[in-house]
């Protein structure tokens, strides 16, 4: 890796996320859009008072026995105050809903005698739309503030390329969720916001090394060569940081419950995408852009001025 040039593979590197996005668009067209969760489409939230500590898998088995396979489960309280919360899409059929509620209650009582239906709440789709809007606004504000910060600390070229890399990270996360038909809910929104904050860290570390090497090799190397050198010098740190985090998140995904997995899997995708863009895209894009600007200025200086 001593003389490896990352900028030479920029076209191939940028082609990979583009290919993933195109594949996702095809899947979305074929499947009729994203697999939206109850947080976005609205639905019903049933609460059962369990009267004791319980196994959530028992609740899941009872609900799935009624043909509901896309419900989301949660727990609240412990001991006598323990509750099981089941969120599912609105059935638009009160009789069917009552039938499911009674069957689940009866099945739970066979295992937990004190279990009883507590209440049912409606989740409106309007709240989901507001959640999407707020999430998009949060990502936009975060990118704008990062652009301003990197612009002030480095220069505008660094800021723009860092934001482009972040947009690619988010696009890849959305695309993989579409391809794998994962459910988009509030956990996924939290994962996106987490990656936006995490991925920029590796990029800034590389940019900081680029700034140092630029002062050191300004007359000896062009911007692409400086970018390659800086990535090579920080490569071990970048990879080690990501691998360390991945080990933890993958463990959570393997051992965690469904609600944890819904958060962990997008994080895993985002970490890999963020590492990829930090190494192959952001520094290379900065080097190519900076060299083109330098070449234009040099060409303009060589042109004879008109009398």
Protein backbone atom coordinates (compact mmCIF):
# COMPACT_ATOMS: atom_id res chain seq x y z
CA UNK A 1 0.00 0.00 0.00
CA UNK A 2 3.07 2.26 0.09
CA UNK A 3 2.44 3.82 -3.32
CA UNK A 4 -1.20 2.88 -3.82
CA UNK A 5 -3.24 5.64 -5.49
CA UNK A 6 -6.80 5.96 -4.25
CA UNK A 7 -7.58 8.81 -6.64
CA UNK A 8 -6.95 6.57 -9.66
CA UNK A 9 -9.88 4.41 -8.54
CA UNK A 10 -12.23 7.34 -7.97
CA UNK A 11 -14.42 6.55 -10.99
CA UNK A 12 -14.79 2.93 -9.88
CA UNK A 13 -15.38 4.01 -6.28
CA UNK A 14 -18.15 6.46 -7.17
CA UNK A 15 -19.70 3.89 -9.52
CA UNK A 16 -20.35 1.47 -6.63
CA UNK A 17 -22.77 3.66 -4.62
CA UNK A 18 -24.39 4.78 -7.88
CA UNK A 19 -24.98 1.13 -8.80
CA UNK A 20 -26.50 0.47 -5.36
CA UNK A 21 -28.82 3.46 -5.70
CA UNK A 22 -29.91 2.37 -9.20
CA UNK A 23 -30.61 -1.16 -7.93
CA UNK A 24 -32.66 0.33 -5.09
CA UNK A 25 -34.70 2.44 -7.52
CA UNK A 26 -35.50 -0.69 -9.54
CA UNK A 27 -36.57 -2.54 -6.38
CA UNK A 28 -38.71 0.40 -5.25
CA UNK A 29 -40.46 0.55 -8.63
CA UNK A 30 -41.04 -3.21 -8.61
CA UNK A 31 -42.27 -3.32 -5.00
CA UNK A 32 -44.22 -0.08 -4.95
CA UNK A 33 -42.01 1.93 -2.60
CA UNK A 34 -40.32 1.56 0.76
CA UNK A 35 -41.49 -0.87 3.42
CA UNK A 36 -42.84 1.76 5.80
CA UNK A 37 -43.44 0.90 9.42
CA UNK A 38 -46.34 1.88 11.64
CA UNK A 39 -44.52 5.07 12.65
CA UNK A 40 -45.13 6.34 9.10
CA UNK A 41 -48.30 4.61 7.92
CA UNK A 42 -50.31 4.68 11.12
CA UNK A 43 -51.85 1.72 12.91
CA UNK A 44 -52.99 0.30 16.22
CA UNK A 45 -51.01 -0.13 19.43
CA UNK A 46 -52.35 -2.80 21.81
CA UNK A 47 -51.15 -2.94 25.39
CA UNK A 48 -51.44 -6.06 27.54
CA UNK A 49 -50.91 -6.01 31.30
CA UNK A 50 -48.87 -9.16 31.98
CA UNK A 51 -48.87 -9.09 35.81
CA UNK A 52 -45.33 -10.55 35.95
CA UNK A 53 -42.02 -10.62 34.10
CA UNK A 54 -42.48 -12.36 30.76
CA UNK A 55 -40.80 -13.51 27.56
CA UNK A 56 -41.59 -11.19 24.64
CA UNK A 57 -41.20 -14.13 22.24
CA UNK A 58 -44.34 -15.65 23.77
CA UNK A 59 -46.27 -12.50 22.88
CA UNK A 60 -44.79 -12.51 19.37
CA UNK A 61 -45.81 -16.14 18.84
CA UNK A 62 -49.40 -15.43 19.86
CA UNK A 63 -49.69 -12.44 17.52
CA UNK A 64 -48.06 -14.22 14.57
CA UNK A 65 -50.45 -17.14 15.12
CA UNK A 66 -53.20 -14.69 14.09
CA UNK A 67 -51.48 -13.98 10.78
CA UNK A 68 -49.84 -10.70 11.83
CA UNK A 69 -46.18 -10.97 10.82
CA UNK A 70 -45.08 -7.33 10.63
CA UNK A 71 -45.96 -6.18 14.16
CA UNK A 72 -43.47 -4.28 16.32
CA UNK A 73 -43.07 -5.29 19.96
CA UNK A 74 -41.95 -3.47 23.10
CA UNK A 75 -42.06 -3.89 26.85
CA UNK A 76 -42.77 -1.54 29.71
CA UNK A 77 -42.34 -1.89 33.44
CA UNK A 78 -41.41 -5.02 35.37
CA UNK A 79 -42.89 -7.46 37.85
CA UNK A 80 -46.56 -6.83 38.52
CA UNK A 81 -46.40 -3.67 36.40
CA UNK A 82 -44.94 -5.44 33.33
CA UNK A 83 -46.69 -4.65 30.05
CA UNK A 84 -46.42 -5.97 26.50
CA UNK A 85 -46.95 -3.45 23.69
CA UNK A 86 -47.87 -4.65 20.20
CA UNK A 87 -47.92 -2.19 17.31
CA UNK A 88 -49.43 -3.34 14.02
CA UNK A 89 -50.87 -1.86 10.86
CA UNK A 90 -54.47 -0.74 11.00
CA UNK A 91 -56.68 -3.60 9.79
CA UNK A 92 -59.62 -1.34 8.84
CA UNK A 93 -61.87 -4.07 10.24
CA UNK A 94 -63.04 -3.61 13.88
CA UNK A 95 -64.40 -7.16 14.07
CA UNK A 96 -61.09 -8.67 12.93
CA UNK A 97 -59.21 -6.46 15.36
CA UNK A 98 -61.43 -7.56 18.23
CA UNK A 99 -60.96 -11.18 17.23
CA UNK A 100 -57.16 -10.85 17.22
CA UNK A 101 -57.15 -9.04 20.56
CA UNK A 102 -59.28 -11.74 22.21
CA UNK A 103 -57.24 -14.59 20.72
CA UNK A 104 -53.92 -13.05 21.81
CA UNK A 105 -55.28 -12.40 25.31
CA UNK A 106 -56.49 -15.99 25.61
CA UNK A 107 -53.16 -17.36 24.37
CA UNK A 108 -51.19 -15.21 26.80
CA UNK A 109 -53.36 -16.26 29.73
CA UNK A 110 -52.51 -19.88 29.01
CA UNK A 111 -48.88 -19.05 29.84
CA UNK A 112 -49.31 -16.04 32.13
CA UNK A 113 -52.61 -16.40 34.07
CA UNK A 114 -52.67 -12.75 35.13
CA UNK A 115 -52.32 -11.40 31.58
CA UNK A 116 -55.15 -9.16 30.42
CA UNK A 117 -55.84 -6.71 27.60
CA UNK A 118 -55.33 -3.16 28.85
CA UNK A 119 -56.07 -0.70 26.05
CA UNK A 120 -55.62 0.14 22.38
CA UNK A 121 -54.34 3.41 20.90
CA UNK A 122 -54.34 4.68 17.34
CA UNK A 123 -51.20 5.97 15.66
CA UNK A 124 -51.94 8.44 12.88
CA UNK A 125 -49.96 8.63 9.63
CA UNK A 126 -49.71 12.41 10.08
CA UNK A 127 -47.22 11.87 12.91
CA UNK A 128 -45.16 9.73 10.54
CA UNK A 129 -45.02 12.45 7.90
CA UNK A 130 -43.93 14.96 10.52
CA UNK A 131 -41.24 12.52 11.66
CA UNK A 132 -39.88 12.23 8.11
CA UNK A 133 -39.93 16.00 7.66
CA UNK A 134 -38.16 16.59 10.97
CA UNK A 135 -35.57 13.92 10.16
CA UNK A 136 -34.88 15.43 6.73
CA UNK A 137 -34.65 18.87 8.32
CA UNK A 138 -32.25 17.55 10.97
CA UNK A 139 -29.98 15.96 8.35
CA UNK A 140 -30.05 19.14 6.27
CA UNK A 141 -29.20 21.37 9.24
CA UNK A 142 -26.44 18.97 10.33
CA UNK A 143 -24.89 18.99 6.85
CA UNK A 144 -25.10 22.79 6.67
CA UNK A 145 -23.45 23.25 10.07
CA UNK A 146 -20.73 20.73 9.17
CA UNK A 147 -20.14 22.56 5.90
CA UNK A 148 -19.73 25.85 7.78
CA UNK A 149 -17.45 24.27 10.41
CA UNK A 150 -15.18 22.54 7.88
CA UNK A 151 -15.15 25.69 5.72
CA UNK A 152 -13.95 27.76 8.66
CA UNK A 153 -11.45 25.16 9.86
CA UNK A 154 -10.14 24.17 6.43
CA UNK A 155 -11.59 25.64 3.21
CA UNK A 156 -14.77 25.46 1.14
CA UNK A 157 -13.51 22.56 -1.02
CA UNK A 158 -13.10 20.38 2.05
CA UNK A 159 -16.58 21.27 3.30
CA UNK A 160 -18.36 20.56 0.03
CA UNK A 161 -16.64 17.21 -0.54
CA UNK A 162 -17.36 16.14 3.05
CA UNK A 163 -21.06 16.94 2.64
CA UNK A 164 -21.15 15.07 -0.69
CA UNK A 165 -19.66 12.04 1.08
CA UNK A 166 -22.34 12.29 3.79
CA UNK A 167 -25.10 12.45 1.19
CA UNK A 168 -23.68 9.31 -0.44
CA UNK A 169 -23.64 7.55 2.96
CA UNK A 170 -27.30 8.36 3.57
CA UNK A 171 -28.22 7.37 -0.01
CA UNK A 172 -26.50 4.00 0.39
CA UNK A 173 -28.27 3.38 3.72
CA UNK A 174 -31.66 4.17 2.16
CA UNK A 175 -30.83 2.03 -0.87
CA UNK A 176 -29.81 -1.02 1.14
CA UNK A 177 -32.97 -0.73 3.24
CA UNK A 178 -34.98 -0.67 0.02
CA UNK A 179 -33.11 -3.62 -1.51
CA UNK A 180 -33.36 -5.77 1.64
CA UNK A 181 -36.99 -4.66 2.17
CA UNK A 182 -36.27 -3.64 5.73
CA UNK A 183 -38.92 -1.68 7.57
CA UNK A 184 -38.40 2.06 7.82
CA UNK A 185 -39.37 3.34 11.26
CA UNK A 186 -38.14 5.70 13.94
CA UNK A 187 -35.15 3.41 14.65
CA UNK A 188 -33.96 3.85 11.08
CA UNK A 189 -34.24 7.63 11.35
CA UNK A 190 -32.11 7.47 14.51
CA UNK A 191 -29.57 5.32 12.65
CA UNK A 192 -29.26 7.87 9.85
CA UNK A 193 -28.68 10.73 12.28
CA UNK A 194 -26.11 8.62 14.14
CA UNK A 195 -24.15 7.87 10.96
CA UNK A 196 -24.22 11.51 9.84
CA UNK A 197 -22.43 12.41 13.06
CA UNK A 198 -20.10 9.41 13.08
CA UNK A 199 -19.00 9.22 9.42
CA UNK A 200 -17.81 12.82 9.27
CA UNK A 201 -15.21 12.07 11.97
CA UNK A 202 -13.02 9.84 9.76
CA UNK A 203 -13.27 12.32 6.90
CA UNK A 204 -12.12 15.22 9.09
CA UNK A 205 -9.15 13.19 10.37
CA UNK A 206 -8.03 12.56 6.77
CA UNK A 207 -8.65 16.19 5.81
CA UNK A 208 -6.57 17.33 8.77
CA UNK A 209 -3.68 15.19 7.52
CA UNK A 210 -4.18 16.58 4.00
CA UNK A 211 -3.85 20.11 5.38
CA UNK A 212 -0.61 19.20 7.13
CA UNK A 213 0.85 17.46 4.07
CA UNK A 214 -0.26 20.29 1.82
CA UNK A 215 1.90 22.72 3.76
CA UNK A 216 4.77 20.24 3.75
CA UNK A 217 4.66 19.13 0.09
CA UNK A 218 3.00 22.09 -1.64
CA UNK A 219 5.86 22.46 -4.17
CA UNK A 220 6.60 18.76 -4.56
CA UNK A 221 3.20 17.13 -5.00
CA UNK A 222 -0.12 18.02 -6.59
CA UNK A 223 -3.40 17.78 -4.69
CA UNK A 224 -4.21 14.22 -5.80
CA UNK A 225 -0.80 13.00 -4.67
CA UNK A 226 -1.23 14.75 -1.33
CA UNK A 227 -4.68 13.16 -0.93
CA UNK A 228 -3.28 9.69 -1.67
CA UNK A 229 -0.42 10.17 0.79
CA UNK A 230 -2.75 11.42 3.53
CA UNK A 231 -5.18 8.51 3.11
CA UNK A 232 -2.31 6.00 3.27
CA UNK A 233 -0.95 7.62 6.43
CA UNK A 234 -4.32 7.52 8.21
CA UNK A 235 -5.60 4.26 6.69
CA UNK A 236 -4.81 2.03 9.67
CA UNK A 237 -6.49 4.43 12.09
CA UNK A 238 -9.57 4.79 9.87
CA UNK A 239 -10.06 1.05 9.43
CA UNK A 240 -9.31 0.17 13.06
CA UNK A 241 -11.84 2.70 14.34
CA UNK A 242 -14.57 1.34 12.08
CA UNK A 243 -13.78 -2.33 12.78
CA UNK A 244 -13.85 -1.71 16.54
CA UNK A 245 -17.27 -0.08 16.28
CA UNK A 246 -18.53 -2.77 13.90
CA UNK A 247 -17.64 -5.53 16.36
CA UNK A 248 -19.90 -3.95 18.95
CA UNK A 249 -22.79 -3.24 16.57
CA UNK A 250 -22.64 -6.69 14.95
CA UNK A 251 -22.75 -8.27 18.41
CA UNK A 252 -25.84 -6.18 19.22
CA UNK A 253 -27.42 -7.30 15.96
CA UNK A 254 -26.76 -10.99 16.64
CA UNK A 255 -27.77 -11.02 20.29
CA UNK A 256 -30.31 -8.19 20.40
CA UNK A 257 -34.07 -8.26 20.09
CA UNK A 258 -35.91 -7.11 16.96
CA UNK A 259 -36.08 -3.47 18.02
CA UNK A 260 -32.30 -3.43 18.51
CA UNK A 261 -31.69 -5.15 15.17
CA UNK A 262 -33.82 -2.57 13.37
CA UNK A 263 -31.36 0.03 14.61
CA UNK A 264 -28.16 -2.03 14.35
CA UNK A 265 -28.40 -3.22 10.73
CA UNK A 266 -28.69 0.27 9.18
CA UNK A 267 -25.83 1.36 11.45
CA UNK A 268 -23.68 -1.50 10.10
CA UNK A 269 -24.44 -0.45 6.52
CA UNK A 270 -23.76 3.20 7.37
CA UNK A 271 -20.44 2.43 9.05
CA UNK A 272 -19.19 0.50 6.03
CA UNK A 273 -20.44 3.19 3.64
CA UNK A 274 -18.92 5.96 5.75
CA UNK A 275 -15.57 4.19 5.87
CA UNK A 276 -15.64 3.68 2.10
CA UNK A 277 -16.48 7.30 1.28
CA UNK A 278 -13.91 8.61 3.78
CA UNK A 279 -11.15 6.60 2.10
CA UNK A 280 -12.06 6.47 -1.59
CA UNK A 281 -14.40 9.35 -2.35
CA UNK A 282 -14.03 12.47 -0.17
CA UNK A 283 -10.19 12.84 -0.38
CA UNK A 284 -10.09 11.88 -4.07
CA UNK A 285 -12.88 14.31 -4.92
CA UNK A 286 -11.03 17.07 -3.07
CA UNK A 287 -7.76 16.26 -4.90
CA UNK A 288 -9.38 16.17 -8.35
CA UNK A 289 -11.33 19.37 -7.73
CA UNK A 290 -8.33 21.24 -6.30
CA UNK A 291 -6.02 20.20 -9.15
CA UNK A 292 -8.56 21.26 -11.76
CA UNK A 293 -8.89 24.65 -10.09
CA UNK A 294 -5.10 25.02 -9.91
CA UNK A 295 -4.74 24.06 -13.59
CA UNK A 296 -7.34 26.63 -14.62
CA UNK A 297 -5.57 29.36 -12.66
CA UNK A 298 -2.22 28.39 -14.14
CA UNK A 299 -3.69 28.40 -17.64
CA UNK A 300 -5.27 31.81 -17.08
CA UNK A 301 -1.92 33.23 -15.94
CA UNK A 302 -0.17 31.91 -19.04
CA UNK A 303 -2.60 33.57 -21.41
CA UNK A 304 -1.22 36.85 -22.74
CA UNK A 305 -3.22 39.86 -21.66
CA UNK A 306 -4.92 41.87 -24.39
CA UNK A 307 -3.49 45.33 -24.96
